[in-house]
């Protein structure tokens, strides 16, 4: 939460990120804390491949079934969106297969994603399209056409100020 607060203030605490204990604590962080760290790094434009690799590997292990309530499942969905968005913002192309796998797991738990998460997914979709070569599909095939349309509509609503 310290890094998240620093990102809100647009401050990058190098001493925190470079502390040897940081990575070891990150490996056992709760999903919300790990996702907050990913979001903070993206907000600050800090491309730390080691930290993001650690978070991505954790996210691949998060399990919707570990959540005892529907709100727990909602939190995992939001955290996965934050991690995928952070990877896209930081342009960590080496994590594309992980992003596709994470979003595929989201697509089966779609019903309660909030608009801000749909917008994040649309940004991931356009990021994928930007660097993929011929036949760039973004998230087509990972998400259904109606799901992608929901993401696009949420993005367009934000652009219109709605």
N, C-alpha and C. Protein backbone atom coordinates (compact mmCIF):
# COMPACT_ATOMS: atom_id res chain seq x y z
N UNK A 1 0.81 -1.20 0.00
CA UNK A 1 0.00 0.00 0.00
C UNK A 1 0.86 1.27 0.00
N UNK A 2 2.08 1.16 0.50
CA UNK A 2 2.99 2.30 0.49
C UNK A 2 3.30 2.74 -0.94
N UNK A 3 3.58 1.76 -1.79
CA UNK A 3 3.90 2.08 -3.18
C UNK A 3 2.68 2.67 -3.90
N UNK A 4 1.50 2.16 -3.60
CA UNK A 4 0.27 2.68 -4.19
C UNK A 4 0.09 4.15 -3.79
N UNK A 5 0.30 4.45 -2.50
CA UNK A 5 0.17 5.83 -2.02
C UNK A 5 1.21 6.73 -2.67
N UNK A 6 2.42 6.22 -2.84
CA UNK A 6 3.47 7.01 -3.50
C UNK A 6 3.07 7.31 -4.95
N UNK A 7 2.49 6.33 -5.63
CA UNK A 7 2.06 6.54 -7.02
C UNK A 7 0.98 7.61 -7.10
N UNK A 8 0.07 7.62 -6.12
CA UNK A 8 -0.96 8.65 -6.09
C UNK A 8 -0.35 10.05 -5.98
N UNK A 9 0.81 10.14 -5.33
CA UNK A 9 1.52 11.42 -5.17
C UNK A 9 2.55 11.65 -6.28
N UNK A 10 2.61 10.72 -7.23
CA UNK A 10 3.57 10.78 -8.36
C UNK A 10 5.02 10.75 -7.87
N UNK A 11 5.28 9.95 -6.84
CA UNK A 11 6.61 9.83 -6.25
C UNK A 11 7.09 8.39 -6.37
N UNK A 12 8.29 8.19 -6.92
CA UNK A 12 8.87 6.87 -7.09
C UNK A 12 9.92 6.63 -6.01
N UNK A 13 9.63 5.80 -5.02
CA UNK A 13 10.57 5.56 -3.93
C UNK A 13 11.60 4.48 -4.29
N UNK A 14 12.68 4.88 -4.93
CA UNK A 14 13.70 3.92 -5.37
C UNK A 14 14.20 3.06 -4.21
N UNK A 15 14.34 3.65 -3.03
CA UNK A 15 14.87 2.89 -1.90
C UNK A 15 13.97 1.73 -1.52
N UNK A 16 12.66 1.88 -1.71
CA UNK A 16 11.74 0.78 -1.41
C UNK A 16 11.87 -0.32 -2.46
N UNK A 17 11.89 0.08 -3.73
CA UNK A 17 11.95 -0.89 -4.81
C UNK A 17 13.26 -1.66 -4.84
N UNK A 18 14.34 -1.02 -4.41
CA UNK A 18 15.64 -1.68 -4.47
C UNK A 18 15.97 -2.48 -3.22
N UNK A 19 15.14 -2.45 -2.23
CA UNK A 19 15.39 -3.19 -1.00
C UNK A 19 15.30 -4.70 -1.29
N UNK A 20 16.33 -5.47 -0.88
CA UNK A 20 16.32 -6.91 -1.16
C UNK A 20 15.09 -7.62 -0.60
N UNK A 21 14.58 -7.12 0.51
CA UNK A 21 13.44 -7.77 1.14
C UNK A 21 12.15 -7.54 0.34
N UNK A 22 12.13 -6.52 -0.53
CA UNK A 22 10.92 -6.18 -1.29
C UNK A 22 10.45 -7.37 -2.14
N UNK A 23 11.35 -7.95 -2.93
CA UNK A 23 10.97 -9.07 -3.80
C UNK A 23 10.55 -10.28 -2.98
N UNK A 24 11.25 -10.55 -1.89
CA UNK A 24 10.88 -11.72 -1.08
C UNK A 24 9.49 -11.54 -0.46
N UNK A 25 9.17 -10.32 -0.03
CA UNK A 25 7.83 -10.06 0.52
C UNK A 25 6.78 -10.07 -0.58
N UNK A 26 7.16 -9.62 -1.76
CA UNK A 26 6.23 -9.60 -2.89
C UNK A 26 5.78 -11.02 -3.24
N UNK A 27 6.68 -11.96 -3.13
CA UNK A 27 6.37 -13.35 -3.48
C UNK A 27 5.25 -13.94 -2.62
N UNK A 28 5.00 -13.36 -1.46
CA UNK A 28 3.95 -13.87 -0.58
C UNK A 28 2.81 -12.85 -0.39
N UNK A 29 2.80 -11.82 -1.20
CA UNK A 29 1.78 -10.78 -1.08
C UNK A 29 0.40 -11.30 -1.46
N UNK A 30 -0.60 -10.74 -0.82
CA UNK A 30 -1.98 -11.05 -1.19
C UNK A 30 -2.25 -10.49 -2.58
N UNK A 31 -3.21 -11.07 -3.32
CA UNK A 31 -3.50 -10.59 -4.68
C UNK A 31 -3.75 -9.08 -4.76
N UNK A 32 -4.51 -8.52 -3.81
CA UNK A 32 -4.80 -7.08 -3.87
C UNK A 32 -3.51 -6.27 -3.75
N UNK A 33 -2.62 -6.66 -2.85
CA UNK A 33 -1.37 -5.93 -2.68
C UNK A 33 -0.49 -6.05 -3.92
N UNK A 34 -0.40 -7.24 -4.48
CA UNK A 34 0.41 -7.43 -5.68
C UNK A 34 -0.15 -6.61 -6.84
N UNK A 35 -1.48 -6.61 -7.00
CA UNK A 35 -2.10 -5.83 -8.08
C UNK A 35 -1.90 -4.33 -7.86
N UNK A 36 -1.96 -3.89 -6.61
CA UNK A 36 -1.71 -2.47 -6.31
C UNK A 36 -0.28 -2.07 -6.66
N UNK A 37 0.67 -2.97 -6.42
CA UNK A 37 2.06 -2.69 -6.78
C UNK A 37 2.19 -2.58 -8.30
N UNK A 38 1.57 -3.50 -9.02
CA UNK A 38 1.62 -3.45 -10.49
C UNK A 38 1.02 -2.14 -10.99
N UNK A 39 -0.14 -1.76 -10.43
CA UNK A 39 -0.80 -0.51 -10.84
C UNK A 39 0.12 0.68 -10.55
N UNK A 40 0.74 0.69 -9.38
CA UNK A 40 1.62 1.80 -8.99
C UNK A 40 2.80 1.91 -9.95
N UNK A 41 3.41 0.78 -10.28
CA UNK A 41 4.54 0.82 -11.22
C UNK A 41 4.11 1.37 -12.58
N UNK A 42 2.93 0.95 -13.03
CA UNK A 42 2.42 1.45 -14.32
C UNK A 42 2.14 2.95 -14.25
N UNK A 43 1.50 3.38 -13.18
CA UNK A 43 1.20 4.81 -13.01
C UNK A 43 2.47 5.65 -13.01
N UNK A 44 3.53 5.10 -12.43
CA UNK A 44 4.80 5.82 -12.34
C UNK A 44 5.70 5.60 -13.56
N UNK A 45 5.27 4.70 -14.47
CA UNK A 45 6.06 4.42 -15.66
C UNK A 45 7.38 3.72 -15.33
N UNK A 46 7.39 2.96 -14.27
CA UNK A 46 8.61 2.28 -13.82
C UNK A 46 8.61 0.84 -14.31
N UNK A 47 9.42 0.55 -15.33
CA UNK A 47 9.45 -0.78 -15.95
C UNK A 47 10.45 -1.68 -15.22
N UNK A 48 10.04 -2.24 -14.12
CA UNK A 48 10.89 -3.17 -13.39
C UNK A 48 10.46 -4.58 -13.77
N UNK A 49 11.25 -5.19 -14.66
CA UNK A 49 10.87 -6.50 -15.20
C UNK A 49 10.86 -7.59 -14.14
N UNK A 50 11.76 -7.51 -13.18
CA UNK A 50 11.81 -8.53 -12.13
C UNK A 50 10.55 -8.48 -11.26
N UNK A 51 10.16 -7.29 -10.86
CA UNK A 51 8.96 -7.16 -10.03
C UNK A 51 7.72 -7.57 -10.81
N UNK A 52 7.61 -7.11 -12.04
CA UNK A 52 6.42 -7.44 -12.83
C UNK A 52 6.37 -8.93 -13.17
N UNK A 53 7.52 -9.56 -13.37
CA UNK A 53 7.53 -11.02 -13.61
C UNK A 53 7.04 -11.76 -12.37
N UNK A 54 7.46 -11.32 -11.22
CA UNK A 54 7.03 -11.93 -9.97
C UNK A 54 5.51 -11.79 -9.81
N UNK A 55 5.00 -10.60 -10.06
CA UNK A 55 3.55 -10.36 -9.94
C UNK A 55 2.78 -11.18 -10.96
N UNK A 56 3.28 -11.23 -12.18
CA UNK A 56 2.60 -12.00 -13.23
C UNK A 56 2.55 -13.48 -12.87
N UNK A 57 3.66 -14.01 -12.38
CA UNK A 57 3.67 -15.42 -11.98
C UNK A 57 2.68 -15.68 -10.84
N UNK A 58 2.58 -14.74 -9.92
CA UNK A 58 1.59 -14.86 -8.85
C UNK A 58 0.18 -14.85 -9.43
N UNK A 59 -0.09 -13.91 -10.31
CA UNK A 59 -1.44 -13.76 -10.87
C UNK A 59 -1.87 -15.03 -11.60
N UNK A 60 -0.94 -15.70 -12.23
CA UNK A 60 -1.28 -16.95 -12.92
C UNK A 60 -1.72 -18.04 -11.95
N UNK A 61 -1.39 -17.86 -10.68
CA UNK A 61 -1.75 -18.85 -9.65
C UNK A 61 -3.03 -18.48 -8.90
N UNK A 62 -3.51 -17.24 -9.06
CA UNK A 62 -4.71 -16.84 -8.34
C UNK A 62 -5.88 -17.70 -8.79
N UNK A 63 -6.69 -18.06 -7.85
CA UNK A 63 -7.77 -19.00 -8.13
C UNK A 63 -9.10 -18.39 -7.67
N UNK A 64 -10.03 -18.29 -8.59
CA UNK A 64 -11.34 -17.76 -8.25
C UNK A 64 -12.02 -18.62 -7.19
N UNK A 65 -11.72 -19.90 -7.17
CA UNK A 65 -12.37 -20.80 -6.21
C UNK A 65 -11.90 -20.56 -4.79
N UNK A 66 -10.77 -19.86 -4.61
CA UNK A 66 -10.29 -19.55 -3.26
C UNK A 66 -11.17 -18.51 -2.58
N UNK A 67 -12.00 -17.86 -3.34
CA UNK A 67 -12.84 -16.78 -2.80
C UNK A 67 -14.11 -17.39 -2.24
N UNK A 68 -14.39 -17.11 -1.00
CA UNK A 68 -15.55 -17.71 -0.34
C UNK A 68 -16.84 -16.95 -0.61
N UNK A 69 -16.75 -15.81 -1.25
CA UNK A 69 -17.96 -15.04 -1.52
C UNK A 69 -17.87 -14.43 -2.91
N UNK A 70 -18.98 -13.96 -3.40
CA UNK A 70 -18.98 -13.33 -4.73
C UNK A 70 -18.13 -12.06 -4.72
N UNK A 71 -18.02 -11.39 -3.57
CA UNK A 71 -17.18 -10.19 -3.52
C UNK A 71 -15.71 -10.58 -3.64
N UNK A 72 -15.34 -11.75 -3.11
CA UNK A 72 -13.97 -12.23 -3.26
C UNK A 72 -13.63 -12.51 -4.71
N UNK A 73 -14.58 -13.11 -5.43
CA UNK A 73 -14.39 -13.35 -6.86
C UNK A 73 -14.26 -12.03 -7.59
N UNK A 74 -15.07 -11.04 -7.23
CA UNK A 74 -14.99 -9.72 -7.87
C UNK A 74 -13.62 -9.10 -7.65
N UNK A 75 -13.07 -9.26 -6.46
CA UNK A 75 -11.75 -8.70 -6.19
C UNK A 75 -10.70 -9.35 -7.07
N UNK A 76 -10.74 -10.66 -7.22
CA UNK A 76 -9.76 -11.33 -8.06
C UNK A 76 -9.90 -10.84 -9.51
N UNK A 77 -11.12 -10.65 -9.98
CA UNK A 77 -11.32 -10.13 -11.34
C UNK A 77 -10.67 -8.76 -11.47
N UNK A 78 -10.90 -7.89 -10.51
CA UNK A 78 -10.33 -6.54 -10.57
C UNK A 78 -8.82 -6.58 -10.53
N UNK A 79 -8.28 -7.45 -9.69
CA UNK A 79 -6.83 -7.55 -9.58
C UNK A 79 -6.21 -8.05 -10.88
N UNK A 80 -6.84 -9.03 -11.51
CA UNK A 80 -6.32 -9.53 -12.79
C UNK A 80 -6.36 -8.43 -13.85
N UNK A 81 -7.42 -7.65 -13.87
CA UNK A 81 -7.50 -6.52 -14.81
C UNK A 81 -6.37 -5.53 -14.55
N UNK A 82 -6.12 -5.21 -13.29
CA UNK A 82 -5.04 -4.27 -12.95
C UNK A 82 -3.68 -4.78 -13.41
N UNK A 83 -3.42 -6.07 -13.20
CA UNK A 83 -2.13 -6.64 -13.61
C UNK A 83 -1.99 -6.60 -15.13
N UNK A 84 -3.02 -7.02 -15.85
CA UNK A 84 -2.95 -7.01 -17.32
C UNK A 84 -2.78 -5.60 -17.86
N UNK A 85 -3.53 -4.65 -17.31
CA UNK A 85 -3.42 -3.26 -17.73
C UNK A 85 -2.01 -2.73 -17.46
N UNK A 86 -1.46 -3.07 -16.31
CA UNK A 86 -0.12 -2.60 -15.95
C UNK A 86 0.92 -3.14 -16.92
N UNK A 87 0.79 -4.39 -17.30
CA UNK A 87 1.72 -4.98 -18.27
C UNK A 87 1.63 -4.23 -19.60
N UNK A 88 0.41 -3.90 -20.02
CA UNK A 88 0.22 -3.17 -21.28
C UNK A 88 0.81 -1.76 -21.19
N UNK A 89 0.52 -1.05 -20.11
CA UNK A 89 1.01 0.32 -19.95
C UNK A 89 2.54 0.34 -19.95
N UNK A 90 3.14 -0.66 -19.31
CA UNK A 90 4.60 -0.73 -19.24
C UNK A 90 5.21 -1.36 -20.49
N UNK A 91 4.36 -1.77 -21.43
CA UNK A 91 4.79 -2.36 -22.71
C UNK A 91 5.75 -3.53 -22.49
N UNK A 92 5.35 -4.44 -21.62
CA UNK A 92 6.15 -5.63 -21.32
C UNK A 92 5.70 -6.77 -22.23
N UNK A 93 6.12 -6.69 -23.48
CA UNK A 93 5.64 -7.61 -24.50
C UNK A 93 5.98 -9.06 -24.22
N UNK A 94 7.02 -9.30 -23.43
CA UNK A 94 7.37 -10.68 -23.10
C UNK A 94 6.28 -11.37 -22.28
N UNK A 95 5.36 -10.60 -21.73
CA UNK A 95 4.29 -11.16 -20.91
C UNK A 95 2.98 -11.33 -21.68
N UNK A 96 3.00 -11.16 -23.00
CA UNK A 96 1.76 -11.31 -23.78
C UNK A 96 1.10 -12.67 -23.55
N UNK A 97 1.83 -13.79 -23.61
CA UNK A 97 1.14 -15.07 -23.38
C UNK A 97 0.47 -15.13 -21.99
N UNK A 98 1.11 -14.53 -21.00
CA UNK A 98 0.52 -14.51 -19.66
C UNK A 98 -0.74 -13.67 -19.63
N UNK A 99 -0.69 -12.50 -20.28
CA UNK A 99 -1.86 -11.61 -20.34
C UNK A 99 -3.03 -12.34 -21.00
N UNK A 100 -2.77 -13.01 -22.10
CA UNK A 100 -3.84 -13.73 -22.80
C UNK A 100 -4.43 -14.82 -21.91
N UNK A 101 -3.57 -15.53 -21.17
CA UNK A 101 -4.05 -16.56 -20.26
C UNK A 101 -4.87 -15.97 -19.13
N UNK A 102 -4.41 -14.87 -18.57
CA UNK A 102 -5.14 -14.23 -17.47
C UNK A 102 -6.51 -13.73 -17.93
N UNK A 103 -6.54 -13.10 -19.10
CA UNK A 103 -7.81 -12.57 -19.60
C UNK A 103 -8.75 -13.69 -19.99
N UNK A 104 -8.22 -14.80 -20.49
CA UNK A 104 -9.08 -15.95 -20.79
C UNK A 104 -9.75 -16.45 -19.51
N UNK A 105 -9.03 -16.43 -18.39
CA UNK A 105 -9.65 -16.85 -17.13
C UNK A 105 -10.71 -15.86 -16.68
N UNK A 106 -10.50 -14.58 -17.00
CA UNK A 106 -11.50 -13.55 -16.66
C UNK A 106 -12.79 -13.73 -17.45
N UNK A 107 -12.66 -14.17 -18.69
CA UNK A 107 -13.83 -14.22 -19.57
C UNK A 107 -14.90 -15.16 -19.05
N UNK A 108 -14.51 -16.13 -18.23
CA UNK A 108 -15.51 -17.05 -17.68
C UNK A 108 -16.16 -16.52 -16.41
N UNK A 109 -15.66 -15.41 -15.89
CA UNK A 109 -16.21 -14.76 -14.69
C UNK A 109 -16.51 -13.30 -15.02
N UNK A 110 -17.21 -13.07 -16.08
CA UNK A 110 -17.35 -11.76 -16.70
C UNK A 110 -18.44 -10.89 -16.08
N UNK A 111 -19.46 -11.50 -15.54
CA UNK A 111 -20.74 -10.83 -15.30
C UNK A 111 -20.68 -9.53 -14.50
N UNK A 112 -19.74 -9.37 -13.60
CA UNK A 112 -19.78 -8.17 -12.75
C UNK A 112 -18.56 -7.26 -12.90
N UNK A 113 -17.90 -7.33 -14.02
CA UNK A 113 -16.78 -6.40 -14.21
C UNK A 113 -17.33 -4.99 -14.31
N UNK A 114 -16.75 -4.08 -13.59
CA UNK A 114 -17.19 -2.69 -13.61
C UNK A 114 -16.60 -1.97 -14.81
N UNK A 115 -17.16 -0.83 -15.14
CA UNK A 115 -16.78 -0.10 -16.35
C UNK A 115 -15.28 0.23 -16.39
N UNK A 116 -14.70 0.61 -15.26
CA UNK A 116 -13.28 0.97 -15.30
C UNK A 116 -12.41 -0.23 -15.67
N UNK A 117 -12.83 -1.42 -15.28
CA UNK A 117 -12.07 -2.63 -15.64
C UNK A 117 -12.28 -2.98 -17.11
N UNK A 118 -13.48 -2.74 -17.62
CA UNK A 118 -13.73 -2.95 -19.04
C UNK A 118 -12.86 -2.00 -19.87
N UNK A 119 -12.72 -0.77 -19.39
CA UNK A 119 -11.86 0.20 -20.10
C UNK A 119 -10.41 -0.26 -20.07
N UNK A 120 -9.98 -0.81 -18.94
CA UNK A 120 -8.61 -1.32 -18.87
C UNK A 120 -8.41 -2.44 -19.89
N UNK A 121 -9.38 -3.32 -19.98
CA UNK A 121 -9.26 -4.43 -20.93
C UNK A 121 -9.25 -3.93 -22.37
N UNK A 122 -10.00 -2.87 -22.64
CA UNK A 122 -9.97 -2.31 -24.00
C UNK A 122 -8.58 -1.73 -24.29
N UNK A 123 -7.96 -1.12 -23.30
CA UNK A 123 -6.60 -0.61 -23.49
C UNK A 123 -5.63 -1.76 -23.74
N UNK A 124 -5.80 -2.87 -23.05
CA UNK A 124 -4.96 -4.05 -23.29
C UNK A 124 -5.17 -4.53 -24.73
N UNK A 125 -6.42 -4.58 -25.15
CA UNK A 125 -6.76 -5.01 -26.51
C UNK A 125 -6.06 -4.13 -27.56
N UNK A 126 -6.13 -2.83 -27.40
CA UNK A 126 -5.49 -1.94 -28.39
C UNK A 126 -3.97 -2.03 -28.31
N UNK A 127 -3.41 -2.23 -27.11
CA UNK A 127 -1.96 -2.42 -26.97
C UNK A 127 -1.52 -3.65 -27.74
N UNK A 128 -2.26 -4.74 -27.60
CA UNK A 128 -1.93 -5.96 -28.33
C UNK A 128 -1.99 -5.73 -29.83
N UNK A 129 -3.00 -5.01 -30.28
CA UNK A 129 -3.13 -4.73 -31.71
C UNK A 129 -1.98 -3.86 -32.22
N UNK A 130 -1.48 -2.97 -31.38
CA UNK A 130 -0.42 -2.05 -31.80
C UNK A 130 0.87 -2.75 -32.17
N UNK A 131 1.25 -3.81 -31.46
CA UNK A 131 2.54 -4.39 -31.76
C UNK A 131 2.47 -5.75 -32.44
N UNK A 132 1.29 -6.34 -32.52
CA UNK A 132 1.19 -7.60 -33.24
C UNK A 132 1.32 -7.33 -34.73
N UNK A 133 1.91 -8.28 -35.44
CA UNK A 133 2.12 -8.09 -36.87
C UNK A 133 0.84 -8.40 -37.63
N UNK A 134 0.97 -8.85 -38.88
CA UNK A 134 -0.19 -9.11 -39.73
C UNK A 134 -1.30 -9.84 -38.99
N UNK A 135 -2.49 -9.39 -39.24
CA UNK A 135 -3.66 -10.02 -38.65
C UNK A 135 -3.81 -9.77 -37.16
N UNK A 136 -3.38 -8.62 -36.70
CA UNK A 136 -3.46 -8.30 -35.27
C UNK A 136 -4.90 -8.44 -34.79
N UNK A 137 -5.09 -9.31 -33.82
CA UNK A 137 -6.44 -9.58 -33.32
C UNK A 137 -6.66 -9.05 -31.92
N UNK A 138 -5.62 -8.61 -31.25
CA UNK A 138 -5.80 -8.16 -29.88
C UNK A 138 -6.36 -9.25 -29.02
N UNK A 139 -7.51 -9.01 -28.42
CA UNK A 139 -8.15 -9.99 -27.54
C UNK A 139 -9.26 -10.78 -28.25
N UNK A 140 -9.39 -10.60 -29.57
CA UNK A 140 -10.38 -11.39 -30.30
C UNK A 140 -9.99 -12.86 -30.20
N UNK A 141 -10.96 -13.68 -29.87
CA UNK A 141 -10.69 -15.10 -29.69
C UNK A 141 -10.44 -15.45 -28.23
N UNK A 142 -9.97 -14.48 -27.46
CA UNK A 142 -9.80 -14.68 -26.02
C UNK A 142 -11.09 -14.26 -25.32
N UNK A 143 -11.61 -13.10 -25.74
CA UNK A 143 -12.92 -12.64 -25.29
C UNK A 143 -13.91 -12.86 -26.43
N UNK A 144 -15.17 -12.98 -26.09
CA UNK A 144 -16.19 -13.10 -27.12
C UNK A 144 -16.39 -11.73 -27.78
N UNK A 145 -17.02 -11.71 -28.94
CA UNK A 145 -17.31 -10.44 -29.60
C UNK A 145 -18.18 -9.53 -28.71
N UNK A 146 -19.22 -10.06 -28.05
CA UNK A 146 -20.00 -9.18 -27.16
C UNK A 146 -19.17 -8.63 -25.99
N UNK A 147 -18.25 -9.43 -25.45
CA UNK A 147 -17.40 -8.95 -24.37
C UNK A 147 -16.48 -7.83 -24.86
N UNK A 148 -15.89 -8.02 -26.03
CA UNK A 148 -15.04 -6.96 -26.60
C UNK A 148 -15.86 -5.71 -26.88
N UNK A 149 -17.08 -5.87 -27.34
CA UNK A 149 -17.95 -4.73 -27.60
C UNK A 149 -18.26 -3.98 -26.30
N UNK A 150 -18.48 -4.70 -25.21
CA UNK A 150 -18.71 -4.05 -23.91
C UNK A 150 -17.48 -3.22 -23.52
N UNK A 151 -16.30 -3.77 -23.74
CA UNK A 151 -15.06 -3.06 -23.41
C UNK A 151 -14.95 -1.79 -24.24
N UNK A 152 -15.23 -1.91 -25.54
CA UNK A 152 -15.14 -0.75 -26.44
C UNK A 152 -16.16 0.32 -26.03
N UNK A 153 -17.37 -0.10 -25.72
CA UNK A 153 -18.41 0.86 -25.32
C UNK A 153 -18.03 1.58 -24.04
N UNK A 154 -17.44 0.86 -23.08
CA UNK A 154 -17.00 1.50 -21.83
C UNK A 154 -15.91 2.53 -22.13
N UNK A 155 -15.00 2.20 -23.04
CA UNK A 155 -13.92 3.12 -23.42
C UNK A 155 -14.49 4.36 -24.11
N UNK A 156 -15.41 4.15 -25.05
CA UNK A 156 -16.01 5.27 -25.78
C UNK A 156 -16.83 6.14 -24.84
N UNK A 157 -17.52 5.56 -23.88
CA UNK A 157 -18.29 6.35 -22.91
C UNK A 157 -17.37 7.26 -22.11
N UNK A 158 -16.20 6.74 -21.75
CA UNK A 158 -15.23 7.57 -21.01
C UNK A 158 -14.76 8.73 -21.89
N UNK A 159 -14.50 8.45 -23.15
CA UNK A 159 -14.05 9.52 -24.05
C UNK A 159 -15.11 10.61 -24.22
N UNK A 160 -16.37 10.21 -24.17
CA UNK A 160 -17.47 11.17 -24.28
C UNK A 160 -17.77 11.85 -22.95
N UNK A 161 -17.08 11.43 -21.88
CA UNK A 161 -17.30 12.02 -20.57
C UNK A 161 -18.51 11.49 -19.85
N UNK A 162 -18.95 10.33 -20.19
CA UNK A 162 -20.13 9.74 -19.55
C UNK A 162 -19.75 8.85 -18.40
